[in-house]
């Protein structure tokens, strides 16, 4: 009986590791998709001297506020 319980625990641990790996892979894919979306907007073409202050403003205002302001003006 103990061996089957140990085997069950080992199988659960293996499943948990696989799930963690899948989550990490999904996060990587989401990050790559987000970077691709930003790249398509042309933000990566900005010189660093213009991009840094823009990102500083986004950080100061917060993403929700920036989104609200941009959608209101669009």
PDB file of N, CA and C in Angstrom:
ATOM      1  N   UNK A   1       0.823  -1.198   0.000  1.00  0.00           N
ATOM      2  CA  UNK A   1       0.000   0.000   0.000  1.00  0.00           C
ATOM      3  C   UNK A   1       0.862   1.254   0.000  1.00  0.00           C
ATOM      4  N   UNK A   2       1.932   1.225   0.785  1.00  0.00           N
ATOM      5  CA  UNK A   2       2.785   2.402   0.894  1.00  0.00           C
ATOM      6  C   UNK A   2       3.457   2.725  -0.439  1.00  0.00           C
ATOM      7  N   UNK A   3       3.811   1.677  -1.176  1.00  0.00           N
ATOM      8  CA  UNK A   3       4.450   1.926  -2.471  1.00  0.00           C
ATOM      9  C   UNK A   3       3.495   2.599  -3.435  1.00  0.00           C
ATOM     10  N   UNK A   4       2.247   2.216  -3.422  1.00  0.00           N
ATOM     11  CA  UNK A   4       1.295   2.840  -4.334  1.00  0.00           C
ATOM     12  C   UNK A   4       1.055   4.296  -3.930  1.00  0.00           C
ATOM     13  N   UNK A   5       1.070   4.585  -2.634  1.00  0.00           N
ATOM     14  CA  UNK A   5       0.934   5.968  -2.173  1.00  0.00           C
ATOM     15  C   UNK A   5       2.157   6.790  -2.581  1.00  0.00           C
ATOM     16  N   UNK A   6       3.332   6.179  -2.442  1.00  0.00           N
ATOM     17  CA  UNK A   6       4.556   6.870  -2.859  1.00  0.00           C
ATOM     18  C   UNK A   6       4.551   7.122  -4.360  1.00  0.00           C
ATOM     19  N   UNK A   7       4.069   6.146  -5.099  1.00  0.00           N
ATOM     20  CA  UNK A   7       3.991   6.314  -6.551  1.00  0.00           C
ATOM     21  C   UNK A   7       2.997   7.407  -6.907  1.00  0.00           C
ATOM     22  N   UNK A   8       1.895   7.457  -6.193  1.00  0.00           N
ATOM     23  CA  UNK A   8       0.884   8.495  -6.423  1.00  0.00           C
ATOM     24  C   UNK A   8       1.458   9.883  -6.121  1.00  0.00           C
ATOM     25  N   UNK A   9       2.195   9.983  -5.008  1.00  0.00           N
ATOM     26  CA  UNK A   9       2.825  11.263  -4.656  1.00  0.00           C
ATOM     27  C   UNK A   9       3.859  11.668  -5.705  1.00  0.00           C
ATOM     28  N   UNK A  10       4.621  10.708  -6.180  1.00  0.00           N
ATOM     29  CA  UNK A  10       5.621  10.992  -7.200  1.00  0.00           C
ATOM     30  C   UNK A  10       4.954  11.456  -8.495  1.00  0.00           C
ATOM     31  N   UNK A  11       3.849  10.811  -8.846  1.00  0.00           N
ATOM     32  CA  UNK A  11       3.120  11.199 -10.056  1.00  0.00           C
ATOM     33  C   UNK A  11       2.555  12.613  -9.910  1.00  0.00           C
ATOM     34  N   UNK A  12       2.032  12.936  -8.736  1.00  0.00           N
ATOM     35  CA  UNK A  12       1.511  14.281  -8.493  1.00  0.00           C
ATOM     36  C   UNK A  12       2.620  15.328  -8.575  1.00  0.00           C
ATOM     37  N   UNK A  13       3.764  15.002  -8.010  1.00  0.00           N
ATOM     38  CA  UNK A  13       4.900  15.926  -8.064  1.00  0.00           C
ATOM     39  C   UNK A  13       5.336  16.159  -9.508  1.00  0.00           C
ATOM     40  N   UNK A  14       5.347  15.098 -10.296  1.00  0.00           N
ATOM     41  CA  UNK A  14       5.716  15.226 -11.707  1.00  0.00           C
ATOM     42  C   UNK A  14       4.699  16.082 -12.454  1.00  0.00           C
ATOM     43  N   UNK A  15       3.414  15.872 -12.160  1.00  0.00           N
ATOM     44  CA  UNK A  15       2.365  16.682 -12.788  1.00  0.00           C
ATOM     45  C   UNK A  15       2.501  18.149 -12.408  1.00  0.00           C
ATOM     46  N   UNK A  16       2.825  18.405 -11.141  1.00  0.00           N
ATOM     47  CA  UNK A  16       3.007  19.788 -10.694  1.00  0.00           C
ATOM     48  C   UNK A  16       4.173  20.450 -11.417  1.00  0.00           C
ATOM     49  N   UNK A  17       5.275  19.717 -11.589  1.00  0.00           N
ATOM     50  CA  UNK A  17       6.435  20.258 -12.312  1.00  0.00           C
ATOM     51  C   UNK A  17       6.061  20.576 -13.757  1.00  0.00           C
ATOM     52  N   UNK A  18       5.317  19.674 -14.388  1.00  0.00           N
ATOM     53  CA  UNK A  18       4.894  19.911 -15.767  1.00  0.00           C
ATOM     54  C   UNK A  18       3.996  21.138 -15.863  1.00  0.00           C
ATOM     55  N   UNK A  19       3.119  21.299 -14.883  1.00  0.00           N
ATOM     56  CA  UNK A  19       2.222  22.446 -14.867  1.00  0.00           C
ATOM     57  C   UNK A  19       3.004  23.747 -14.693  1.00  0.00           C
ATOM     58  N   UNK A  20       3.991  23.743 -13.835  1.00  0.00           N
ATOM     59  CA  UNK A  20       4.840  24.924 -13.648  1.00  0.00           C
ATOM     60  C   UNK A  20       5.555  25.257 -14.951  1.00  0.00           C
ATOM     61  N   UNK A  21       6.067  24.243 -15.614  1.00  0.00           N
ATOM     62  CA  UNK A  21       6.759  24.462 -16.892  1.00  0.00           C
ATOM     63  C   UNK A  21       5.805  25.025 -17.942  1.00  0.00           C
ATOM     64  N   UNK A  22       4.577  24.514 -17.979  1.00  0.00           N
ATOM     65  CA  UNK A  22       3.581  25.025 -18.943  1.00  0.00           C
ATOM     66  C   UNK A  22       3.234  26.471 -18.647  1.00  0.00           C
ATOM     67  N   UNK A  23       3.102  26.806 -17.364  1.00  0.00           N
ATOM     68  CA  UNK A  23       2.809  28.192 -16.992  1.00  0.00           C
ATOM     69  C   UNK A  23       3.946  29.123 -17.410  1.00  0.00           C
ATOM     70  N   UNK A  24       5.173  28.682 -17.193  1.00  0.00           N
ATOM     71  CA  UNK A  24       6.325  29.487 -17.586  1.00  0.00           C
ATOM     72  C   UNK A  24       6.374  29.669 -19.097  1.00  0.00           C
ATOM     73  N   UNK A  25       6.082  28.618 -19.837  1.00  0.00           N
ATOM     74  CA  UNK A  25       6.061  28.706 -21.295  1.00  0.00           C
ATOM     75  C   UNK A  25       4.972  29.671 -21.759  1.00  0.00           C
ATOM     76  N   UNK A  26       3.814  29.610 -21.114  1.00  0.00           N
ATOM     77  CA  UNK A  26       2.724  30.522 -21.458  1.00  0.00           C
ATOM     78  C   UNK A  26       3.105  31.964 -21.158  1.00  0.00           C
ATOM     79  N   UNK A  27       3.741  32.212 -20.024  1.00  0.00           N
ATOM     80  CA  UNK A  27       4.188  33.562 -19.689  1.00  0.00           C
ATOM     81  C   UNK A  27       5.186  34.076 -20.719  1.00  0.00           C
ATOM     82  N   UNK A  28       6.062  33.215 -21.171  1.00  0.00           N
ATOM     83  CA  UNK A  28       7.036  33.599 -22.190  1.00  0.00           C
ATOM     84  C   UNK A  28       6.327  33.957 -23.493  1.00  0.00           C
ATOM     85  N   UNK A  29       5.355  33.159 -23.889  1.00  0.00           N
ATOM     86  CA  UNK A  29       4.592  33.436 -25.108  1.00  0.00           C
ATOM     87  C   UNK A  29       3.821  34.744 -24.989  1.00  0.00           C
ATOM     88  N   UNK A  30       3.218  34.984 -23.812  1.00  0.00           N
ATOM     89  CA  UNK A  30       2.474  36.224 -23.601  1.00  0.00           C
ATOM     90  C   UNK A  30       3.397  37.430 -23.668  1.00  0.00           C
ATOM     91  N   UNK A  31       4.578  37.310 -23.080  1.00  0.00           N
ATOM     92  CA  UNK A  31       5.557  38.404 -23.117  1.00  0.00           C
ATOM     93  C   UNK A  31       5.999  38.684 -24.550  1.00  0.00           C
ATOM     94  N   UNK A  32       6.266  37.633 -25.291  1.00  0.00           N
ATOM     95  CA  UNK A  32       6.681  37.798 -26.686  1.00  0.00           C
ATOM     96  C   UNK A  32       5.568  38.439 -27.510  1.00  0.00           C
ATOM     97  N   UNK A  33       4.331  38.054 -27.252  1.00  0.00           N
ATOM     98  CA  UNK A  33       3.194  38.645 -27.969  1.00  0.00           C
ATOM     99  C   UNK A  33       3.052  40.122 -27.618  1.00  0.00           C
ATOM    100  N   UNK A  34       3.238  40.447 -26.344  1.00  0.00           N
ATOM    101  CA  UNK A  34       3.147  41.848 -25.915  1.00  0.00           C
ATOM    102  C   UNK A  34       4.249  42.681 -26.548  1.00  0.00           C
ATOM    103  N   UNK A  35       5.449  42.153 -26.577  1.00  0.00           N
ATOM    104  CA  UNK A  35       6.564  42.866 -27.203  1.00  0.00           C
ATOM    105  C   UNK A  35       6.294  43.051 -28.684  1.00  0.00           C
ATOM    106  N   UNK A  36       5.753  42.034 -29.327  1.00  0.00           N
ATOM    107  CA  UNK A  36       5.405  42.132 -30.741  1.00  0.00           C
ATOM    108  C   UNK A  36       4.360  43.206 -30.990  1.00  0.00           C
ATOM    109  N   UNK A  37       3.373  43.296 -30.099  1.00  0.00           N
ATOM    110  CA  UNK A  37       2.328  44.318 -30.247  1.00  0.00           C
ATOM    111  C   UNK A  37       2.913  45.712 -30.083  1.00  0.00           C
ATOM    112  N   UNK A  38       3.796  45.881 -29.114  1.00  0.00           N
ATOM    113  CA  UNK A  38       4.440  47.184 -28.900  1.00  0.00           C
ATOM    114  C   UNK A  38       5.322  47.529 -30.098  1.00  0.00           C
ATOM    115  N   UNK A  39       5.987  46.536 -30.615  1.00  0.00           N
ATOM    116  CA  UNK A  39       6.863  46.749 -31.764  1.00  0.00           C
ATOM    117  C   UNK A  39       6.060  47.212 -32.983  1.00  0.00           C
ATOM    118  N   UNK A  40       4.876  46.641 -33.166  1.00  0.00           N
ATOM    119  CA  UNK A  40       4.037  47.016 -34.304  1.00  0.00           C
ATOM    120  C   UNK A  40       3.546  48.461 -34.208  1.00  0.00           C
ATOM    121  N   UNK A  41       3.422  48.977 -32.995  1.00  0.00           N
ATOM    122  CA  UNK A  41       2.956  50.359 -32.833  1.00  0.00           C
ATOM    123  C   UNK A  41       4.029  51.370 -33.205  1.00  0.00           C
ATOM    124  N   UNK A  42       5.258  50.932 -33.273  1.00  0.00           N
ATOM    125  CA  UNK A  42       6.338  51.833 -33.641  1.00  0.00           C
ATOM    126  C   UNK A  42       7.073  52.423 -32.452  1.00  0.00           C
ATOM    127  N   UNK A  43       6.719  52.037 -31.242  1.00  0.00           N
ATOM    128  CA  UNK A  43       7.395  52.590 -30.066  1.00  0.00           C
ATOM    129  C   UNK A  43       8.877  52.241 -30.029  1.00  0.00           C
ATOM    130  N   UNK A  44       9.229  51.102 -30.558  1.00  0.00           N
ATOM    131  CA  UNK A  44      10.637  50.709 -30.549  1.00  0.00           C
ATOM    132  C   UNK A  44      11.459  51.529 -31.533  1.00  0.00           C
ATOM    133  N   UNK A  45      10.793  52.251 -32.419  1.00  0.00           N
ATOM    134  CA  UNK A  45      11.510  53.096 -33.372  1.00  0.00           C
ATOM    135  C   UNK A  45      11.879  54.439 -32.764  1.00  0.00           C
ATOM    136  N   UNK A  46      11.254  54.775 -31.623  1.00  0.00           N
ATOM    137  CA  UNK A  46      11.567  56.047 -30.972  1.00  0.00           C
ATOM    138  C   UNK A  46      12.998  56.036 -30.464  1.00  0.00           C
ATOM    139  N   UNK A  47      13.669  57.175 -30.554  1.00  0.00           N
ATOM    140  CA  UNK A  47      14.992  57.237 -29.936  1.00  0.00           C
ATOM    141  C   UNK A  47      14.848  57.142 -28.411  1.00  0.00           C
ATOM    142  N   UNK A  48      15.852  56.634 -27.794  1.00  0.00           N
ATOM    143  CA  UNK A  48      15.819  56.424 -26.353  1.00  0.00           C
ATOM    144  C   UNK A  48      15.567  57.724 -25.592  1.00  0.00           C
ATOM    145  N   UNK A  49      16.020  58.836 -26.140  1.00  0.00           N
ATOM    146  CA  UNK A  49      15.815  60.125 -25.480  1.00  0.00           C
ATOM    147  C   UNK A  49      14.341  60.509 -25.417  1.00  0.00           C
ATOM    148  N   UNK A  50      13.535  59.989 -26.314  1.00  0.00           N
ATOM    149  CA  UNK A  50      12.087  60.249 -26.294  1.00  0.00           C
ATOM    150  C   UNK A  50      11.332  59.139 -25.571  1.00  0.00           C
ATOM    151  N   UNK A  51      11.847  57.927 -25.665  1.00  0.00           N
ATOM    152  CA  UNK A  51      11.163  56.786 -25.064  1.00  0.00           C
ATOM    153  C   UNK A  51      11.239  56.799 -23.542  1.00  0.00           C
ATOM    154  N   UNK A  52      12.398  57.153 -22.998  1.00  0.00           N
ATOM    155  CA  UNK A  52      12.558  57.154 -21.541  1.00  0.00           C
ATOM    156  C   UNK A  52      11.558  58.073 -20.844  1.00  0.00           C
ATOM    157  N   UNK A  53      11.420  59.344 -21.257  1.00  0.00           N
ATOM    158  CA  UNK A  53      10.432  60.200 -20.586  1.00  0.00           C
ATOM    159  C   UNK A  53       8.997  59.693 -20.747  1.00  0.00           C
ATOM    160  N   UNK A  54       8.705  59.104 -21.887  1.00  0.00           N
ATOM    161  CA  UNK A  54       7.369  58.552 -22.113  1.00  0.00           C
ATOM    162  C   UNK A  54       7.095  57.410 -21.141  1.00  0.00           C
ATOM    163  N   UNK A  55       8.035  56.509 -20.993  1.00  0.00           N
ATOM    164  CA  UNK A  55       7.873  55.383 -20.077  1.00  0.00           C
ATOM    165  C   UNK A  55       7.827  55.868 -18.623  1.00  0.00           C
ATOM    166  N   UNK A  56       8.572  56.930 -18.324  1.00  0.00           N
ATOM    167  CA  UNK A  56       8.536  57.506 -16.974  1.00  0.00           C
ATOM    168  C   UNK A  56       7.144  58.062 -16.679  1.00  0.00           C
ATOM    169  N   UNK A  57       6.544  58.708 -17.661  1.00  0.00           N
ATOM    170  CA  UNK A  57       5.197  59.254 -17.489  1.00  0.00           C
ATOM    171  C   UNK A  57       4.179  58.131 -17.322  1.00  0.00           C
ATOM    172  N   UNK A  58       4.325  57.065 -18.085  1.00  0.00           N
ATOM    173  CA  UNK A  58       3.418  55.924 -17.961  1.00  0.00           C
ATOM    174  C   UNK A  58       3.540  55.322 -16.565  1.00  0.00           C
ATOM    175  N   UNK A  59       4.763  55.209 -16.088  1.00  0.00           N
ATOM    176  CA  UNK A  59       4.971  54.646 -14.757  1.00  0.00           C
ATOM    177  C   UNK A  59       4.376  55.558 -13.679  1.00  0.00           C
ATOM    178  N   UNK A  60       4.533  56.857 -13.840  1.00  0.00           N
ATOM    179  CA  UNK A  60       4.020  57.808 -12.849  1.00  0.00           C
ATOM    180  C   UNK A  60       2.493  57.827 -12.824  1.00  0.00           C
ATOM    181  N   UNK A  61       1.885  57.813 -13.986  1.00  0.00           N
ATOM    182  CA  UNK A  61       0.416  57.873 -14.055  1.00  0.00           C
ATOM    183  C   UNK A  61      -0.246  56.530 -13.759  1.00  0.00           C
ATOM    184  N   UNK A  62       0.422  55.482 -14.133  1.00  0.00           N
ATOM    185  CA  UNK A  62      -0.165  54.147 -14.009  1.00  0.00           C
ATOM    186  C   UNK A  62      -0.822  53.749 -15.317  1.00  0.00           C
ATOM    187  N   UNK A  63      -0.814  52.477 -15.590  1.00  0.00           N
ATOM    188  CA  UNK A  63      -1.339  51.980 -16.863  1.00  0.00           C
ATOM    189  C   UNK A  63      -2.817  52.289 -17.047  1.00  0.00           C
ATOM    190  N   UNK A  64      -3.592  52.148 -15.980  1.00  0.00           N
ATOM    191  CA  UNK A  64      -5.033  52.390 -16.099  1.00  0.00           C
ATOM    192  C   UNK A  64      -5.322  53.842 -16.486  1.00  0.00           C
ATOM    193  N   UNK A  65      -4.621  54.765 -15.849  1.00  0.00           N
ATOM    194  CA  UNK A  65      -4.831  56.187 -16.145  1.00  0.00           C
ATOM    195  C   UNK A  65      -4.388  56.531 -17.566  1.00  0.00           C
ATOM    196  N   UNK A  66      -3.268  55.984 -17.989  1.00  0.00           N
ATOM    197  CA  UNK A  66      -2.783  56.232 -19.354  1.00  0.00           C
ATOM    198  C   UNK A  66      -3.777  55.683 -20.364  1.00  0.00           C
ATOM    199  N   UNK A  67      -4.249  54.477 -20.126  1.00  0.00           N
ATOM    200  CA  UNK A  67      -5.238  53.875 -21.034  1.00  0.00           C
ATOM    201  C   UNK A  67      -6.508  54.723 -21.087  1.00  0.00           C
ATOM    202  N   UNK A  68      -6.962  55.181 -19.938  1.00  0.00           N
ATOM    203  CA  UNK A  68      -8.169  55.999 -19.873  1.00  0.00           C
ATOM    204  C   UNK A  68      -7.981  57.296 -20.665  1.00  0.00           C
ATOM    205  N   UNK A  69      -6.851  57.937 -20.484  1.00  0.00           N
ATOM    206  CA  UNK A  69      -6.598  59.196 -21.181  1.00  0.00           C
ATOM    207  C   UNK A  69      -6.452  58.997 -22.694  1.00  0.00           C
ATOM    208  N   UNK A  70      -5.789  57.942 -23.076  1.00  0.00           N
ATOM    209  CA  UNK A  70      -5.597  57.695 -24.497  1.00  0.00           C
ATOM    210  C   UNK A  70      -6.900  57.330 -25.192  1.00  0.00           C
ATOM    211  N   UNK A  71      -7.716  56.537 -24.555  1.00  0.00           N
ATOM    212  CA  UNK A  71      -8.987  56.166 -25.190  1.00  0.00           C
ATOM    213  C   UNK A  71      -9.948  57.332 -25.200  1.00  0.00           C
ATOM    214  N   UNK A  72      -9.841  58.233 -24.241  1.00  0.00           N
ATOM    215  CA  UNK A  72     -10.719  59.409 -24.220  1.00  0.00           C
ATOM    216  C   UNK A  72     -10.366  60.385 -25.339  1.00  0.00           C
ATOM    217  N   UNK A  73      -9.075  60.446 -25.675  1.00  0.00           N
ATOM    218  CA  UNK A  73      -8.653  61.400 -26.706  1.00  0.00           C
ATOM    219  C   UNK A  73      -8.699  60.802 -28.102  1.00  0.00           C
ATOM    220  N   UNK A  74      -8.855  59.510 -28.207  1.00  0.00           N
ATOM    221  CA  UNK A  74      -8.841  58.859 -29.533  1.00  0.00           C
ATOM    222  C   UNK A  74     -10.180  58.863 -30.192  1.00  0.00           C
TER     223      UNK A  74
END
